[in-house]
Amino acid sequence: MQQNETMKAASALTGTPDGGEGPRIGRPPVLSHDQRRDVLIRAAGRVFLRDGFAGATMEKVAGEAGMSKRTLYRFFPDKRSALEALLSAHDHRPPMAPYAHRPGDDPREEIRRCLTSLTNYLLDPVQIGLTRLIIAEAPQYPELANSFEGLEIGGVIAHVGERFRRLVSDGAIHAENPEELADLMIGSLVNPWQILALASQDQSRPRPEEIAARIERIIDIFSDALGLELSRSVE
């Protein structure tokens, strides 16, 4: 079961069903320097998610990318540098719809959209796989864990905090410290599901209605800090 889920996470890096690059037909395309590096980083990601850092080898990464080890070593001297490149290349910002709040709109709707996108991002199999990988390697490579924490956690909080700050600027909410509020709300919302996903072989995600109900409850819990009235469902 665990292997199946890591393969799903690996395939999500490329969109191919088995985590590979897919069949190559005809002459291979001529790739630029940056394109070759990108192919190698994606291949390293699939190998790390599938085999773990300890089980990964430069030979496996080169084979996964369909390139020679000589080419791989021109870009990365060892697998640690490949992992560092993977973490740097990974987009640590949750994909969110454009800011859509307008005067007179219920600010809860913008907060719902923001937190729903955030939850789906943090519980994505690739995200869980990368987080599990970093946790496993943290004792030996604490600097990688610190880097991931800064990019991942710091980036997510800053991104959501910026969305809250725009709501404050528009007079829709009244948060004294939007980033701190984002940190507290994100932890309350996602941490229980995230811990379960990291610790369990069952990678099934909460249903959309479960996410929506929890988000509504979190907004109500933080209604005073947001300067909002309680929703009618809890009045």
Protein backbone atom coordinates (compact mmCIF):
# COMPACT_ATOMS: atom_id res chain seq x y z
CA MET A 1 0.00 0.00 0.00
CA GLN A 2 2.76 2.44 0.96
CA GLN A 3 4.65 1.66 -2.25
CA ASN A 4 1.52 2.28 -4.34
CA GLU A 5 1.03 5.67 -2.72
CA THR A 6 4.64 6.73 -3.20
CA MET A 7 4.37 5.73 -6.85
CA LYS A 8 1.27 7.91 -7.15
CA ALA A 9 3.20 10.78 -5.63
CA ALA A 10 6.12 10.16 -7.97
CA SER A 11 3.87 10.05 -11.02
CA ALA A 12 2.33 13.36 -9.98
CA LEU A 13 5.69 14.99 -10.63
CA THR A 14 5.39 14.17 -14.32
CA GLY A 15 1.77 13.33 -14.99
CA THR A 16 2.67 9.86 -16.28
CA PRO A 17 0.80 6.87 -14.83
CA ASP A 18 3.84 4.99 -13.53
CA GLY A 19 6.12 7.83 -12.51
CA GLY A 20 8.34 7.46 -15.59
CA GLU A 21 8.94 9.80 -18.47
CA GLY A 22 6.79 7.66 -20.76
CA PRO A 23 7.81 5.93 -23.98
CA ARG A 24 10.27 7.72 -26.21
CA ILE A 25 9.57 7.42 -29.92
CA GLY A 26 12.03 8.46 -32.60
CA ARG A 27 15.08 10.60 -32.04
CA PRO A 28 15.34 12.16 -28.57
CA PRO A 29 14.74 15.92 -28.52
CA VAL A 30 17.67 18.28 -28.23
CA LEU A 31 17.42 19.85 -24.80
CA SER A 32 18.89 23.10 -23.58
CA HIS A 33 21.04 23.24 -20.45
CA ASP A 34 18.08 24.37 -18.32
CA GLN A 35 15.79 21.73 -19.82
CA ARG A 36 18.29 18.97 -19.06
CA ARG A 37 18.61 20.21 -15.49
CA ASP A 38 14.83 20.25 -15.12
CA VAL A 39 14.53 16.68 -16.43
CA LEU A 40 17.21 15.54 -13.98
CA ILE A 41 15.54 17.29 -11.03
CA ARG A 42 12.20 15.70 -11.85
CA ALA A 43 13.84 12.30 -12.21
CA ALA A 44 15.58 12.75 -8.86
CA GLY A 45 12.24 13.64 -7.29
CA ARG A 46 10.65 10.45 -8.56
CA VAL A 47 13.55 8.33 -7.32
CA PHE A 48 13.62 10.01 -3.89
CA LEU A 49 9.86 9.61 -3.43
CA ARG A 50 9.91 6.01 -4.60
CA ASP A 51 13.11 4.71 -2.94
CA GLY A 52 13.83 7.24 -0.19
CA PHE A 53 17.05 9.20 0.06
CA ALA A 54 19.03 6.25 1.42
CA GLY A 55 17.84 3.97 -1.38
CA ALA A 56 18.43 6.51 -4.12
CA THR A 57 21.62 6.38 -6.19
CA MET A 58 23.04 8.58 -8.88
CA GLU A 59 22.77 5.62 -11.24
CA LYS A 60 19.04 5.35 -10.55
CA VAL A 61 18.53 9.07 -11.12
CA ALA A 62 20.42 8.99 -14.42
CA GLY A 63 18.46 5.94 -15.56
CA GLU A 64 15.16 7.54 -14.55
CA ALA A 65 16.06 10.63 -16.58
CA GLY A 66 17.22 8.60 -19.56
CA MET A 67 20.64 10.24 -19.42
CA SER A 68 24.15 9.08 -18.69
CA LYS A 69 25.73 9.35 -15.25
CA ARG A 70 28.36 11.57 -16.84
CA THR A 71 25.66 14.06 -17.80
CA LEU A 72 24.12 13.86 -14.34
CA TYR A 73 27.45 14.56 -12.62
CA ARG A 74 27.92 17.66 -14.76
CA PHE A 75 24.87 19.12 -13.03
CA PHE A 76 24.99 17.52 -9.58
CA PRO A 77 28.11 16.12 -7.86
CA ASP A 78 26.06 13.91 -5.51
CA LYS A 79 22.50 12.99 -4.59
CA ARG A 80 22.41 15.52 -1.77
CA SER A 81 22.92 18.37 -4.22
CA ALA A 82 20.17 16.87 -6.39
CA LEU A 83 17.82 16.86 -3.38
CA GLU A 84 18.73 20.48 -2.59
CA ALA A 85 17.94 21.41 -6.19
CA LEU A 86 14.62 19.57 -5.98
CA LEU A 87 13.62 21.48 -2.85
CA SER A 88 14.67 24.80 -4.38
CA ALA A 89 12.80 24.09 -7.62
CA HIS A 90 9.61 22.92 -5.90
CA ASP A 91 6.88 25.57 -5.89
CA HIS A 92 6.22 26.21 -2.20
CA ARG A 93 3.30 28.54 -2.84
CA PRO A 94 -0.19 27.03 -2.72
CA PRO A 95 -1.99 27.57 -6.03
CA MET A 96 -4.79 30.01 -5.34
CA ALA A 97 -7.45 31.66 -7.43
CA PRO A 98 -6.89 35.39 -8.01
CA TYR A 99 -8.01 37.69 -5.23
CA ALA A 100 -11.70 38.23 -5.92
CA HIS A 101 -13.06 40.19 -2.95
CA ARG A 102 -15.15 43.23 -3.85
CA PRO A 103 -16.77 45.88 -1.62
CA GLY A 104 -19.90 44.42 -0.10
CA ASP A 105 -18.78 40.80 -0.51
CA ASP A 106 -18.75 38.48 2.48
CA PRO A 107 -15.03 38.19 3.42
CA ARG A 108 -15.70 34.64 4.57
CA GLU A 109 -15.94 33.58 0.93
CA GLU A 110 -12.42 34.83 0.14
CA ILE A 111 -11.10 33.14 3.29
CA ARG A 112 -12.87 29.90 2.34
CA ARG A 113 -11.30 29.92 -1.13
CA CYS A 114 -7.88 30.64 0.34
CA LEU A 115 -8.01 27.91 3.00
CA THR A 116 -9.51 25.33 0.63
CA SER A 117 -6.65 25.81 -1.85
CA LEU A 118 -4.14 25.67 0.98
CA THR A 119 -5.55 22.42 2.39
CA ASN A 120 -5.57 20.69 -1.00
CA TYR A 121 -1.98 21.80 -1.59
CA LEU A 122 -0.60 20.62 1.76
CA LEU A 123 -2.38 17.25 1.55
CA ASP A 124 -1.33 16.60 -2.05
CA PRO A 125 0.53 13.25 -2.36
CA VAL A 126 3.67 14.94 -3.74
CA GLN A 127 3.69 17.42 -0.87
CA ILE A 128 3.20 14.66 1.70
CA GLY A 129 5.93 12.60 0.02
CA LEU A 130 8.44 15.45 0.10
CA THR A 131 7.60 16.26 3.71
CA ARG A 132 8.00 12.62 4.74
CA LEU A 133 11.33 12.47 2.90
CA ILE A 134 12.68 15.54 4.67
CA ILE A 135 11.52 14.30 8.08
CA ALA A 136 13.30 10.98 7.49
CA GLU A 137 16.56 12.70 6.53
CA ALA A 138 16.40 15.53 9.11
CA PRO A 139 18.66 13.85 11.73
CA GLN A 140 21.47 13.43 9.21
CA TYR A 141 20.88 16.60 7.20
CA PRO A 142 19.35 19.18 9.58
CA GLU A 143 20.22 22.04 7.24
CA LEU A 144 17.99 20.53 4.55
CA ALA A 145 15.14 20.29 7.05
CA ASN A 146 15.68 23.89 8.09
CA SER A 147 15.71 25.00 4.46
CA PHE A 148 12.51 23.08 3.72
CA GLU A 149 10.83 24.52 6.80
CA GLY A 150 11.74 28.03 5.77
CA LEU A 151 10.61 27.58 2.18
CA GLU A 152 7.54 25.46 2.85
CA ILE A 153 6.06 26.62 6.13
CA GLY A 154 7.34 30.18 5.87
CA GLY A 155 6.23 30.45 2.25
CA VAL A 156 2.73 29.15 2.92
CA ILE A 157 2.20 31.41 5.93
CA ALA A 158 3.47 34.44 4.01
CA HIS A 159 1.25 33.64 1.04
CA VAL A 160 -1.90 33.27 3.13
CA GLY A 161 -0.90 36.22 5.33
CA GLU A 162 -0.65 38.39 2.22
CA ARG A 163 -4.19 37.39 1.25
CA PHE A 164 -5.41 38.32 4.74
CA ARG A 165 -3.49 41.60 4.56
CA ARG A 166 -5.36 42.52 1.38
CA LEU A 167 -8.65 41.86 3.15
CA VAL A 168 -7.48 44.13 5.97
CA SER A 169 -6.50 46.81 3.46
CA ASP A 170 -9.98 46.59 1.91
CA GLY A 171 -11.58 46.97 5.33
CA ALA A 172 -13.15 43.51 5.12
CA ILE A 173 -11.45 42.07 8.23
CA HIS A 174 -9.58 43.55 11.18
CA ALA A 175 -6.51 41.45 11.93
CA GLU A 176 -3.67 43.07 13.87
CA ASN A 177 -1.10 40.55 12.62
CA PRO A 178 -2.27 38.79 9.42
CA GLU A 179 0.78 36.49 9.22
CA GLU A 180 0.44 35.31 12.82
CA LEU A 181 -3.28 34.75 12.29
CA ALA A 182 -2.56 32.78 9.11
CA ASP A 183 -0.06 30.61 11.02
CA LEU A 184 -2.57 29.79 13.77
CA MET A 185 -5.44 29.09 11.38
CA ILE A 186 -3.33 26.91 9.08
CA GLY A 187 -2.07 24.81 11.99
CA SER A 188 -5.56 24.34 13.42
CA LEU A 189 -6.98 23.43 10.03
CA VAL A 190 -4.41 21.16 8.41
CA ASN A 191 -2.13 19.70 11.09
CA PRO A 192 -4.39 16.80 12.21
CA TRP A 193 -4.90 15.59 8.63
CA GLN A 194 -1.26 16.20 7.72
CA ILE A 195 0.06 14.22 10.69
CA LEU A 196 -2.28 11.34 9.85
CA ALA A 197 -1.15 11.36 6.21
CA LEU A 198 2.54 11.39 7.19
CA ALA A 199 2.19 8.58 9.72
CA SER A 200 -0.30 6.33 7.96
CA GLN A 201 -0.08 4.07 4.96
CA ASP A 202 -3.61 5.11 4.07
CA GLN A 203 -3.17 8.27 2.01
CA SER A 204 -6.88 8.86 1.41
CA ARG A 205 -7.64 12.55 1.74
CA PRO A 206 -10.60 14.09 3.57
CA ARG A 207 -13.70 14.56 1.47
CA PRO A 208 -14.46 18.06 0.13
CA GLU A 209 -17.44 18.36 2.46
CA GLU A 210 -15.22 17.47 5.43
CA ILE A 211 -12.73 20.15 4.43
CA ALA A 212 -15.52 22.71 3.95
CA ALA A 213 -17.06 21.94 7.35
CA ARG A 214 -13.72 22.20 9.15
CA ILE A 215 -12.87 25.47 7.40
CA GLU A 216 -16.21 26.92 8.50
CA ARG A 217 -15.53 25.89 12.07
CA ILE A 218 -12.00 27.35 11.99
CA ILE A 219 -13.32 30.67 10.68
CA ASP A 220 -15.86 30.74 13.51
CA ILE A 221 -13.20 29.94 16.12
CA PHE A 222 -11.08 32.85 14.86
CA SER A 223 -14.02 35.17 14.18
CA ASP A 224 -13.03 37.64 16.92
CA ALA A 225 -9.46 37.87 15.63
CA LEU A 226 -10.81 38.38 12.10
CA GLY A 227 -13.36 40.96 13.19
CA LEU A 228 -16.21 38.80 11.88
CA GLU A 229 -19.55 37.82 13.32
CA LEU A 230 -20.20 34.16 14.03
CA SER A 231 -21.94 32.29 11.24
CA ARG A 232 -25.61 31.58 11.77
CA SER A 233 -24.89 27.86 12.07
CA VAL A 234 -23.25 28.37 15.47
CA GLU A 235 -25.20 31.35 16.80
